[in-house]
Amino acid sequence: MSLSVILFIALLLAVAAMRFVELRISKRHQRDMTARGAAKAKDPIFRWMAAFHTLLLIGAAAEVVFLHRPFLPALAIPMIILFVIANAVRWWVIRTLGEHWNVEVMDSTRLGVITTGPFRYVRHPNYAAVFVEMIVLPLIHTAWITALVGAIAHVAVLTVRLSAEERVLFANPDYAAAMSSKPRFLPGLF
C-alpha cells in the first residue's frame, strides 16, 4: 500500500473520529437545551444521515484501495484546500451556535435565534459546508465514484432533512422574521 493511500485512510479515520467527538458535543447540547425548555423534533432522516456519513468514508477508502485510484497532486491540493475551508466553516457554525448546535432537529428557537457569524448571510451554512466536505474528501485521492454517488445521496437526504428542520424553525415567528429573507446555503444565490 502506497504512502498516499495510508495517509488518505488516516485522514478518513480522523474524520470519523471527529464525527464521534461531534456526536458527544451534540448529546451534551441536547441535554442542556432540553433542560432549558427546548424540544427534540421528529427527525425521520437522522439515521440515514449517520449511515450516509459512515458509508461515504468506507466507500472512499474501498474505492481507493480496491480500484487503485491514483493520487493526483493537481486534484488533491485544491480538494484539500476546499476540505480545510469547509471544516473551518463547520467549526465557525459550531462556535457561533454554541449550545444550540447539535446534529438532530431540535426546536431551540424559543431559547433565542442566532443571527451572528455565518448566519448573518445564510440560513444553513453547516449543510453547505458538509456538502462541500463530502464531495471533496473522496476526491483528495480521486475516489470520484464515491464523490458522485455521495453527492446524489446527500442531496436526497438533505432535501428531507431540511424540510423537517425548516418546518420546526419557521414555526417560530422570531426565526421567520430574522431568516426568511436569507438564502439557504450561499449568499446571493436563490
Protein backbone atom coordinates (compact mmCIF):
# COMPACT_ATOMS: atom_id res chain seq x y z
CA MET A 1 0.00 0.00 0.00
CA SER A 2 1.44 3.36 -1.02
CA LEU A 3 2.10 6.18 1.40
CA SER A 4 -0.62 8.31 -0.18
CA VAL A 5 -3.20 5.56 0.42
CA ILE A 6 -2.08 5.15 4.03
CA LEU A 7 -2.29 8.91 4.61
CA PHE A 8 -5.70 9.10 2.92
CA ILE A 9 -7.07 6.30 5.10
CA ALA A 10 -5.60 8.06 8.14
CA LEU A 11 -7.46 11.23 7.08
CA LEU A 12 -10.71 9.27 6.74
CA LEU A 13 -10.19 7.77 10.21
CA ALA A 14 -9.52 11.25 11.60
CA VAL A 15 -12.78 12.49 10.06
CA ALA A 16 -14.62 9.50 11.59
CA ALA A 17 -13.07 10.25 15.00
CA MET A 18 -14.13 13.89 14.67
CA ARG A 19 -17.71 12.78 13.96
CA PHE A 20 -17.72 10.84 17.25
CA VAL A 21 -16.46 13.93 19.07
CA GLU A 22 -19.22 15.97 17.42
CA LEU A 23 -21.83 13.39 18.48
CA ARG A 24 -20.69 13.74 22.10
CA ILE A 25 -20.86 17.53 21.89
CA SER A 26 -24.29 17.26 20.31
CA LYS A 27 -25.66 14.96 23.03
CA ARG A 28 -24.40 17.32 25.72
CA HIS A 29 -26.03 20.29 23.98
CA GLN A 30 -29.30 18.36 23.57
CA ARG A 31 -29.39 17.61 27.31
CA ASP A 32 -28.69 21.25 28.16
CA MET A 33 -31.28 22.60 25.72
CA THR A 34 -33.92 20.11 26.86
CA ALA A 35 -33.34 21.20 30.45
CA ARG A 36 -33.93 24.81 29.32
CA GLY A 37 -37.19 24.05 27.52
CA ALA A 38 -36.18 23.04 24.00
CA ALA A 39 -37.84 20.00 22.48
CA LYS A 40 -36.43 17.34 20.20
CA ALA A 41 -38.40 17.33 16.96
CA LYS A 42 -39.30 14.35 14.85
CA ASP A 43 -36.26 13.68 12.69
CA PRO A 44 -37.11 10.88 10.24
CA ILE A 45 -33.82 11.08 8.38
CA PHE A 46 -31.15 11.28 11.12
CA ARG A 47 -30.28 7.57 10.98
CA TRP A 48 -29.97 7.81 7.20
CA MET A 49 -27.69 10.82 7.56
CA ALA A 50 -25.46 8.96 10.00
CA ALA A 51 -25.39 5.96 7.67
CA PHE A 52 -24.59 8.20 4.72
CA HIS A 53 -21.59 9.75 6.50
CA THR A 54 -20.31 6.33 7.54
CA LEU A 55 -20.78 4.79 4.10
CA LEU A 56 -19.10 7.72 2.40
CA LEU A 57 -15.96 7.24 4.49
CA ILE A 58 -15.97 3.48 3.92
CA GLY A 59 -16.73 3.92 0.22
CA ALA A 60 -13.88 6.38 -0.30
CA ALA A 61 -11.42 4.02 1.39
CA ALA A 62 -12.69 1.00 -0.51
CA GLU A 63 -12.62 2.79 -3.85
CA VAL A 64 -9.05 3.97 -3.35
CA VAL A 65 -7.81 0.58 -2.11
CA PHE A 66 -9.70 -1.82 -4.37
CA LEU A 67 -9.95 0.26 -7.54
CA HIS A 68 -6.37 1.54 -7.15
CA ARG A 69 -7.26 5.20 -7.51
CA PRO A 70 -4.17 7.31 -8.11
CA PHE A 71 -3.08 10.24 -6.02
CA LEU A 72 -3.03 13.25 -8.34
CA PRO A 73 -1.48 16.30 -6.66
CA ALA A 74 -3.14 18.65 -9.17
CA LEU A 75 -6.54 17.39 -7.95
CA ALA A 76 -5.60 16.66 -4.34
CA ILE A 77 -4.24 20.10 -3.48
CA PRO A 78 -7.38 22.10 -4.37
CA MET A 79 -9.55 19.39 -2.75
CA ILE A 80 -7.51 19.59 0.46
CA ILE A 81 -7.87 23.40 0.44
CA LEU A 82 -11.66 23.10 -0.02
CA PHE A 83 -11.78 20.42 2.70
CA VAL A 84 -9.98 22.73 5.14
CA ILE A 85 -12.25 25.67 4.22
CA ALA A 86 -15.39 23.52 4.64
CA ASN A 87 -14.21 22.39 8.07
CA ALA A 88 -13.37 25.94 9.07
CA VAL A 89 -16.93 26.96 8.17
CA ARG A 90 -18.35 23.95 10.07
CA TRP A 91 -16.43 24.89 13.22
CA TRP A 92 -17.41 28.54 12.78
CA VAL A 93 -21.03 27.35 12.77
CA ILE A 94 -20.49 25.17 15.85
CA ARG A 95 -18.80 28.03 17.69
CA THR A 96 -21.47 30.54 16.65
CA LEU A 97 -24.38 28.31 17.64
CA GLY A 98 -22.72 27.35 20.92
CA GLU A 99 -25.05 25.17 22.96
CA HIS A 100 -27.73 25.44 20.24
CA TRP A 101 -25.57 23.33 17.90
CA ASN A 102 -26.42 19.65 17.59
CA VAL A 103 -26.82 17.01 14.90
CA GLU A 104 -30.52 16.34 15.35
CA VAL A 105 -33.53 18.56 14.76
CA MET A 106 -34.29 20.48 17.96
CA ASP A 107 -36.84 23.19 18.50
CA SER A 108 -34.47 25.54 20.28
CA THR A 109 -35.73 28.79 18.76
CA ARG A 110 -37.57 29.66 21.97
CA LEU A 111 -34.10 29.88 23.55
CA GLY A 112 -33.17 32.54 21.00
CA VAL A 113 -32.46 32.88 17.31
CA ILE A 114 -28.83 33.01 16.23
CA THR A 115 -28.21 35.65 13.56
CA THR A 116 -24.47 36.22 14.00
CA GLY A 117 -21.46 34.54 12.44
CA PRO A 118 -22.25 32.79 9.16
CA PHE A 119 -25.97 33.09 9.96
CA ARG A 120 -25.73 36.78 9.03
CA TYR A 121 -25.55 35.58 5.42
CA VAL A 122 -27.37 32.26 5.10
CA ARG A 123 -29.78 30.02 6.99
CA HIS A 124 -27.86 26.73 6.73
CA PRO A 125 -24.11 27.30 6.42
CA ASN A 126 -23.35 23.98 8.08
CA TYR A 127 -25.19 21.96 5.43
CA ALA A 128 -23.36 23.83 2.67
CA ALA A 129 -20.01 23.15 4.34
CA VAL A 130 -20.78 19.47 4.93
CA PHE A 131 -21.93 19.08 1.32
CA VAL A 132 -18.63 20.50 0.08
CA GLU A 133 -16.69 18.35 2.53
CA MET A 134 -18.46 15.15 1.45
CA ILE A 135 -17.68 15.81 -2.23
CA VAL A 136 -14.06 16.93 -1.89
CA LEU A 137 -12.96 14.39 0.72
CA PRO A 138 -13.14 11.37 -1.65
CA LEU A 139 -11.62 13.43 -4.47
CA ILE A 140 -8.45 14.03 -2.43
CA HIS A 141 -7.43 10.57 -3.67
CA THR A 142 -9.57 10.55 -6.87
CA ALA A 143 -12.41 8.42 -5.46
CA TRP A 144 -14.76 10.00 -7.98
CA ILE A 145 -17.46 7.30 -7.83
CA THR A 146 -17.84 7.84 -4.09
CA ALA A 147 -17.90 11.62 -4.59
CA LEU A 148 -20.57 11.38 -7.30
CA VAL A 149 -22.80 8.83 -5.56
CA GLY A 150 -22.25 10.64 -2.26
CA ALA A 151 -23.33 13.98 -3.74
CA ILE A 152 -26.52 12.46 -5.16
CA ALA A 153 -27.31 10.63 -1.90
CA HIS A 154 -26.56 13.76 0.13
CA VAL A 155 -28.98 15.83 -1.94
CA ALA A 156 -31.71 13.23 -1.33
CA VAL A 157 -31.04 13.05 2.41
CA LEU A 158 -30.65 16.80 2.77
CA THR A 159 -33.92 17.51 0.97
CA VAL A 160 -35.88 15.52 3.55
CA ARG A 161 -33.82 16.83 6.48
CA LEU A 162 -34.24 20.48 5.50
CA SER A 163 -37.98 20.05 5.11
CA ALA A 164 -38.26 18.69 8.66
CA GLU A 165 -35.87 21.24 10.14
CA GLU A 166 -37.33 24.29 8.45
CA ARG A 167 -40.84 23.25 9.44
CA VAL A 168 -39.69 23.46 13.08
CA LEU A 169 -37.62 26.63 12.67
CA PHE A 170 -40.15 28.66 10.67
CA ALA A 171 -42.90 27.83 13.16
CA ASN A 172 -41.20 30.40 15.40
CA PRO A 173 -42.12 33.95 14.31
CA ASP A 174 -38.79 35.36 15.53
CA TYR A 175 -36.87 32.90 13.36
CA ALA A 176 -39.12 33.57 10.37
CA ALA A 177 -38.65 37.33 10.74
CA ALA A 178 -34.88 37.09 11.09
CA MET A 179 -34.14 34.42 8.49
CA SER A 180 -36.84 34.23 5.81
CA SER A 181 -35.11 36.73 3.52
CA LYS A 182 -31.76 34.90 3.68
CA PRO A 183 -30.76 32.18 1.20
CA ARG A 184 -30.40 28.62 2.46
CA PHE A 185 -26.79 27.91 1.55
CA LEU A 186 -24.84 30.54 -0.36
CA PRO A 187 -25.08 34.32 -0.14
CA GLY A 188 -26.59 35.88 -3.24
CA LEU A 189 -28.00 32.62 -4.63
CA PHE A 190 -31.63 31.51 -4.70
